[in-house]
Amino acid sequence: MKILPSGLNAKISRQTVGWLAVFGSAFFFYLATLIIRWAAPRVTIESAYFVFARFLLGLGVVSITMILQKQRLQPKKYHYLIGRTLANTIAVFCFYKAVEMSSVAEANILNMTYPLFVALFSWFFLRQQRDGLSLVIVAVAFSGVWLVLSPSNITPSWGNLWALSSGVTAAAAIIYLNLSRRYHDSQTILFFMFALGTALMLIFFHDAIFLPNFEELFFLLSCSVAGVLGQYLLTYGFLYVTAVEGSIISSSRILLAALLGPVLVADPALTISGWCGALLIFAANTTLALRKT
């Protein structure tokens, strides 16, 4: 039996842990949307309340973590922190609204178009990152978006429009994160994101927030735990995998949603055109990730 050198063995183990963590993050982000759908027949909770609960729990977790680690906030470029918070808050709200109004599969697939919009925005706003072939890949991917939107329907559904909006704003959040990471540590970024996000949801959607009973609290807490756990697993996983590997594994949420939606929440199965669209978006995300090397 061939034994790997200890250093190589440790490297493979760390890489495996990273892969599992990133895939786990994709699963938990998807699970959060499943919980919203499971809650719908049993309780009346608006999507804004789910977003508020997620940010509030995230704020508690990051605050406790910083206290235990005796870590201080170190904000430097406030406009990047605020931009990241605004874009991320809108993205999560649009995403949860899409889950409320359309199928879980379509909401997740269209939300995962954000790498395409990152490539598109980079062309206009980050001249040093302009790449003509990436635009061609994005154009092909948008044909996949059109297929997911069911081209037989002349008018796209509001749910799909919310989902596409979440992809656009998530792309803006990623660009702001990329800029903010040059000046801030992860905990500072997360604290501002959760704290300001919680405040924004409370200010603009206070009418949707109420004192929940046990069943309502169960769904709110379950959805929030899944979302926050997904965020931390993603952050942890990227310590041990490359950006390319992480991006490809994260995009597996497209396939998870397409395969499991009809089984777990009785979503209508994707049509042939829907499957072709989902695979085109997945392939485009993968190709864009590989080109980053």
Protein backbone atom coordinates (compact mmCIF):
# COMPACT_ATOMS: atom_id res chain seq x y z
CA MET A 1 0.00 0.00 0.00
CA LYS A 2 1.41 3.37 -1.08
CA ILE A 3 1.60 5.97 1.69
CA LEU A 4 1.55 9.65 0.82
CA PRO A 5 4.23 11.90 2.34
CA SER A 6 2.92 13.53 5.51
CA GLY A 7 3.06 17.06 4.04
CA LEU A 8 1.15 16.04 0.90
CA ASN A 9 -1.32 14.05 2.97
CA ALA A 10 -1.99 17.09 5.18
CA LYS A 11 -2.42 19.30 2.09
CA ILE A 12 -4.99 16.90 0.60
CA SER A 13 -6.83 16.75 3.92
CA ARG A 14 -7.03 20.54 4.16
CA GLN A 15 -8.18 20.75 0.56
CA THR A 16 -10.88 18.14 1.20
CA VAL A 17 -12.07 20.06 4.26
CA GLY A 18 -12.19 23.22 2.13
CA TRP A 19 -14.21 21.52 -0.60
CA LEU A 20 -16.67 20.13 1.93
CA ALA A 21 -17.01 23.51 3.65
CA VAL A 22 -17.72 25.38 0.40
CA PHE A 23 -20.19 22.72 -0.74
CA GLY A 24 -21.77 22.86 2.73
CA SER A 25 -22.20 26.61 2.33
CA ALA A 26 -24.01 26.09 -0.98
CA PHE A 27 -26.26 23.51 0.68
CA PHE A 28 -27.09 25.74 3.66
CA PHE A 29 -27.82 28.76 1.47
CA TYR A 30 -30.21 26.51 -0.45
CA LEU A 31 -31.65 25.11 2.79
CA ALA A 32 -32.50 28.64 3.96
CA THR A 33 -34.70 29.07 0.89
CA LEU A 34 -36.33 25.68 1.46
CA ILE A 35 -37.24 26.72 5.02
CA ILE A 36 -38.94 29.88 3.72
CA ARG A 37 -41.03 27.75 1.38
CA TRP A 38 -41.83 25.16 4.08
CA ALA A 39 -42.94 27.97 6.39
CA ALA A 40 -45.39 29.51 3.90
CA PRO A 41 -48.35 27.12 4.45
CA ARG A 42 -47.96 27.15 8.24
CA VAL A 43 -47.15 30.72 9.29
CA THR A 44 -47.41 34.23 7.87
CA ILE A 45 -43.94 35.73 7.82
CA GLU A 46 -42.86 38.28 5.22
CA SER A 47 -39.53 37.85 3.49
CA ALA A 48 -38.30 41.10 5.09
CA TYR A 49 -38.65 39.49 8.53
CA PHE A 50 -36.52 36.51 7.44
CA VAL A 51 -33.83 38.93 6.24
CA PHE A 52 -33.98 40.90 9.51
CA ALA A 53 -33.69 37.71 11.58
CA ARG A 54 -30.71 36.51 9.53
CA PHE A 55 -28.83 39.79 9.98
CA LEU A 56 -29.70 39.99 13.68
CA LEU A 57 -28.38 36.47 14.33
CA GLY A 58 -25.29 37.20 12.25
CA LEU A 59 -24.67 40.35 14.28
CA GLY A 60 -24.87 38.35 17.51
CA VAL A 61 -22.50 35.66 16.24
CA VAL A 62 -19.85 38.05 14.91
CA SER A 63 -20.06 40.21 18.07
CA ILE A 64 -19.55 37.22 20.37
CA THR A 65 -16.70 35.96 18.17
CA MET A 66 -14.93 39.33 18.31
CA ILE A 67 -15.37 39.57 22.09
CA LEU A 68 -13.94 36.07 22.62
CA GLN A 69 -11.01 36.80 20.31
CA LYS A 70 -10.53 40.27 21.86
CA GLN A 71 -10.66 41.73 18.39
CA ARG A 72 -11.44 45.40 17.75
CA LEU A 73 -13.22 46.98 14.81
CA GLN A 74 -10.81 48.65 12.39
CA PRO A 75 -12.89 50.61 9.86
CA LYS A 76 -10.89 52.72 7.39
CA LYS A 77 -12.86 53.24 4.19
CA TYR A 78 -16.45 53.75 5.35
CA HIS A 79 -17.85 54.20 1.84
CA TYR A 80 -16.74 50.67 0.90
CA LEU A 81 -18.30 49.22 4.07
CA ILE A 82 -21.55 51.09 3.49
CA GLY A 83 -21.64 50.16 -0.21
CA ARG A 84 -21.09 46.49 0.65
CA THR A 85 -23.86 46.64 3.26
CA LEU A 86 -26.42 48.34 1.01
CA ALA A 87 -25.78 46.04 -1.95
CA ASN A 88 -25.78 42.87 0.18
CA THR A 89 -28.95 43.84 2.08
CA ILE A 90 -30.85 44.53 -1.14
CA ALA A 91 -29.51 41.31 -2.68
CA VAL A 92 -30.65 39.12 0.23
CA PHE A 93 -34.06 40.84 0.35
CA CYS A 94 -34.59 40.39 -3.41
CA PHE A 95 -33.49 36.76 -3.17
CA TYR A 96 -35.89 35.92 -0.33
CA LYS A 97 -38.66 37.82 -2.11
CA ALA A 98 -38.01 35.71 -5.22
CA VAL A 99 -38.31 32.50 -3.17
CA GLU A 100 -41.63 33.77 -1.82
CA MET A 101 -43.04 34.55 -5.28
CA SER A 102 -41.51 31.93 -7.60
CA SER A 103 -40.11 28.42 -7.47
CA VAL A 104 -37.13 27.72 -5.20
CA ALA A 105 -35.22 26.30 -8.19
CA GLU A 106 -35.67 29.35 -10.41
CA ALA A 107 -34.86 31.74 -7.54
CA ASN A 108 -31.58 29.96 -6.76
CA ILE A 109 -30.56 29.52 -10.40
CA LEU A 110 -31.17 33.17 -11.29
CA ASN A 111 -29.52 34.36 -8.06
CA MET A 112 -26.39 32.47 -9.14
CA THR A 113 -26.09 34.73 -12.19
CA TYR A 114 -24.11 37.16 -10.02
CA PRO A 115 -20.69 36.00 -11.37
CA LEU A 116 -21.92 36.97 -14.85
CA PHE A 117 -22.87 40.46 -13.67
CA VAL A 118 -19.51 40.78 -11.87
CA ALA A 119 -17.78 40.13 -15.20
CA LEU A 120 -20.10 42.59 -16.93
CA PHE A 121 -19.65 45.35 -14.33
CA SER A 122 -15.88 44.81 -14.30
CA TRP A 123 -15.78 45.60 -18.01
CA PHE A 124 -17.34 49.03 -17.44
CA PHE A 125 -15.89 50.04 -14.06
CA LEU A 126 -12.56 48.18 -13.72
CA ARG A 127 -10.61 48.90 -16.89
CA GLN A 128 -7.58 46.85 -15.83
CA GLN A 129 -9.80 43.76 -15.69
CA ARG A 130 -11.39 44.10 -19.12
CA ASP A 131 -11.57 40.80 -20.98
CA GLY A 132 -13.33 40.48 -24.32
CA LEU A 133 -13.76 36.70 -24.12
CA SER A 134 -15.47 37.05 -20.74
CA LEU A 135 -18.12 39.21 -22.42
CA VAL A 136 -18.72 36.46 -24.98
CA ILE A 137 -19.12 33.93 -22.14
CA VAL A 138 -21.56 36.28 -20.39
CA ALA A 139 -23.58 36.66 -23.60
CA VAL A 140 -23.86 32.87 -23.93
CA ALA A 141 -24.86 32.61 -20.27
CA PHE A 142 -27.63 35.17 -20.70
CA SER A 143 -29.15 32.91 -23.32
CA GLY A 144 -29.29 30.39 -20.46
CA VAL A 145 -31.07 32.99 -18.30
CA TRP A 146 -33.63 33.46 -21.07
CA LEU A 147 -34.22 29.70 -21.22
CA VAL A 148 -34.77 29.55 -17.43
CA LEU A 149 -37.24 32.43 -17.70
CA SER A 150 -39.43 30.20 -19.91
CA PRO A 151 -39.37 32.00 -23.27
CA SER A 152 -42.87 30.67 -24.05
CA ASN A 153 -44.18 33.20 -21.52
CA ILE A 154 -44.21 36.69 -23.03
CA THR A 155 -44.18 38.40 -19.62
CA PRO A 156 -41.57 37.24 -17.06
CA SER A 157 -42.97 36.60 -13.59
CA TRP A 158 -42.34 39.05 -10.76
CA GLY A 159 -40.58 36.26 -8.87
CA ASN A 160 -38.04 35.85 -11.67
CA LEU A 161 -37.49 39.60 -11.84
CA TRP A 162 -36.81 39.65 -8.07
CA ALA A 163 -34.34 36.77 -8.55
CA LEU A 164 -32.49 38.54 -11.37
CA SER A 165 -32.38 41.70 -9.25
CA SER A 166 -30.76 39.67 -6.48
CA GLY A 167 -28.11 38.52 -8.96
CA VAL A 168 -27.39 42.10 -10.08
CA THR A 169 -27.14 43.50 -6.54
CA ALA A 170 -25.14 40.48 -5.30
CA ALA A 171 -22.61 41.24 -8.04
CA ALA A 172 -22.33 44.82 -6.76
CA ALA A 173 -21.89 43.43 -3.22
CA ILE A 174 -19.07 41.15 -4.43
CA ILE A 175 -17.27 44.05 -6.12
CA TYR A 176 -17.59 46.16 -2.97
CA LEU A 177 -16.33 43.21 -0.93
CA ASN A 178 -13.31 42.88 -3.22
CA LEU A 179 -12.51 46.58 -2.75
CA SER A 180 -13.21 46.55 0.98
CA ARG A 181 -10.98 43.52 1.63
CA ARG A 182 -7.98 45.65 0.61
CA TYR A 183 -8.46 47.76 3.74
CA HIS A 184 -10.48 45.69 6.25
CA ASP A 185 -10.38 42.31 7.96
CA SER A 186 -13.27 39.86 7.60
CA GLN A 187 -14.76 40.50 11.04
CA THR A 188 -14.96 44.25 10.51
CA ILE A 189 -16.71 43.75 7.16
CA LEU A 190 -19.14 41.20 8.62
CA PHE A 191 -19.93 43.35 11.67
CA PHE A 192 -20.81 46.40 9.58
CA MET A 193 -22.77 44.26 7.10
CA PHE A 194 -24.88 42.61 9.82
CA ALA A 195 -25.24 45.69 12.05
CA LEU A 196 -26.19 48.18 9.31
CA GLY A 197 -28.28 45.52 7.53
CA THR A 198 -30.27 44.89 10.72
CA ALA A 199 -30.80 48.64 11.22
CA LEU A 200 -31.92 49.15 7.59
CA MET A 201 -34.44 46.31 7.74
CA LEU A 202 -35.81 47.63 11.03
CA ILE A 203 -36.18 51.17 9.66
CA PHE A 204 -37.81 50.30 6.34
CA PHE A 205 -39.74 47.14 7.26
CA HIS A 206 -40.64 47.62 10.94
CA ASP A 207 -44.31 46.88 10.10
CA ALA A 208 -43.33 43.32 9.08
CA ILE A 209 -41.49 42.64 12.34
CA PHE A 210 -43.42 41.35 15.34
CA LEU A 211 -43.01 39.23 18.44
CA PRO A 212 -43.20 35.65 17.07
CA ASN A 213 -44.88 32.66 18.67
CA PHE A 214 -43.00 29.36 19.06
CA GLU A 215 -43.71 28.06 15.55
CA GLU A 216 -42.85 31.37 13.90
CA LEU A 217 -39.68 31.62 15.95
CA PHE A 218 -38.71 28.10 14.88
CA PHE A 219 -38.87 28.98 11.18
CA LEU A 220 -37.19 32.36 11.64
CA LEU A 221 -34.35 30.87 13.67
CA SER A 222 -33.90 27.85 11.38
CA CYS A 223 -33.68 30.01 8.27
CA SER A 224 -31.28 32.44 9.98
CA VAL A 225 -29.01 29.67 11.27
CA ALA A 226 -28.83 28.13 7.78
CA GLY A 227 -27.97 31.49 6.19
CA VAL A 228 -25.34 32.50 8.76
CA LEU A 229 -23.82 28.99 8.79
CA GLY A 230 -23.59 29.14 5.00
CA GLN A 231 -21.76 32.49 5.25
CA TYR A 232 -19.22 31.19 7.78
CA LEU A 233 -18.65 27.89 5.95
CA LEU A 234 -17.97 29.84 2.76
CA THR A 235 -15.47 32.08 4.57
CA TYR A 236 -13.78 29.08 6.23
CA GLY A 237 -13.71 26.96 3.09
CA PHE A 238 -11.93 29.63 1.04
CA LEU A 239 -8.98 29.39 3.43
CA TYR A 240 -8.17 25.94 1.99
CA VAL A 241 -9.33 26.03 -1.63
CA THR A 242 -8.42 28.23 -4.56
CA ALA A 243 -10.81 30.91 -5.80
CA VAL A 244 -11.42 28.80 -8.90
CA GLU A 245 -12.34 25.68 -6.90
CA GLY A 246 -14.51 27.70 -4.54
CA SER A 247 -16.38 29.45 -7.34
CA ILE A 248 -17.12 26.19 -9.16
CA ILE A 249 -18.27 24.40 -6.00
CA SER A 250 -20.44 27.38 -4.99
CA SER A 251 -22.14 27.22 -8.38
CA SER A 252 -23.24 23.68 -7.56
CA ARG A 253 -26.24 25.37 -5.87
CA ILE A 254 -27.65 25.69 -9.40
CA LEU A 255 -27.69 21.91 -9.80
CA LEU A 256 -28.89 21.34 -6.22
CA ALA A 257 -31.86 23.61 -6.80
CA ALA A 258 -32.73 22.05 -10.16
CA LEU A 259 -32.54 18.48 -8.83
CA LEU A 260 -34.04 18.81 -5.33
CA GLY A 261 -36.74 21.46 -5.79
CA PRO A 262 -39.42 19.10 -7.17
CA VAL A 263 -38.62 16.53 -4.44
CA LEU A 264 -38.38 18.72 -1.33
CA VAL A 265 -40.89 21.52 -1.95
CA ALA A 266 -43.02 20.10 -4.78
CA ASP A 267 -41.75 22.73 -7.21
CA PRO A 268 -42.63 22.09 -10.85
CA ALA A 269 -39.75 20.25 -12.50
CA LEU A 270 -37.60 22.30 -14.86
CA THR A 271 -38.50 21.96 -18.51
CA ILE A 272 -35.91 20.85 -21.06
CA SER A 273 -35.22 24.49 -21.89
CA GLY A 274 -34.94 25.28 -18.15
CA TRP A 275 -32.37 22.51 -17.68
CA CYS A 276 -30.40 23.73 -20.71
CA GLY A 277 -30.45 27.24 -19.25
CA ALA A 278 -29.33 26.07 -15.81
CA LEU A 279 -26.45 24.09 -17.31
CA LEU A 280 -25.41 27.04 -19.48
CA ILE A 281 -25.26 29.32 -16.43
CA PHE A 282 -23.31 26.70 -14.47
CA ALA A 283 -20.88 26.19 -17.36
CA ALA A 284 -20.41 29.95 -17.76
CA ASN A 285 -19.71 30.41 -14.04
CA THR A 286 -17.18 27.58 -14.20
CA THR A 287 -15.47 28.99 -17.30
CA LEU A 288 -15.27 32.49 -15.81
CA ALA A 289 -13.75 31.03 -12.62
CA LEU A 290 -11.15 29.10 -14.63
CA ARG A 291 -10.24 32.22 -16.63
CA LYS A 292 -9.39 34.05 -13.40
CA THR A 293 -6.21 31.97 -13.27
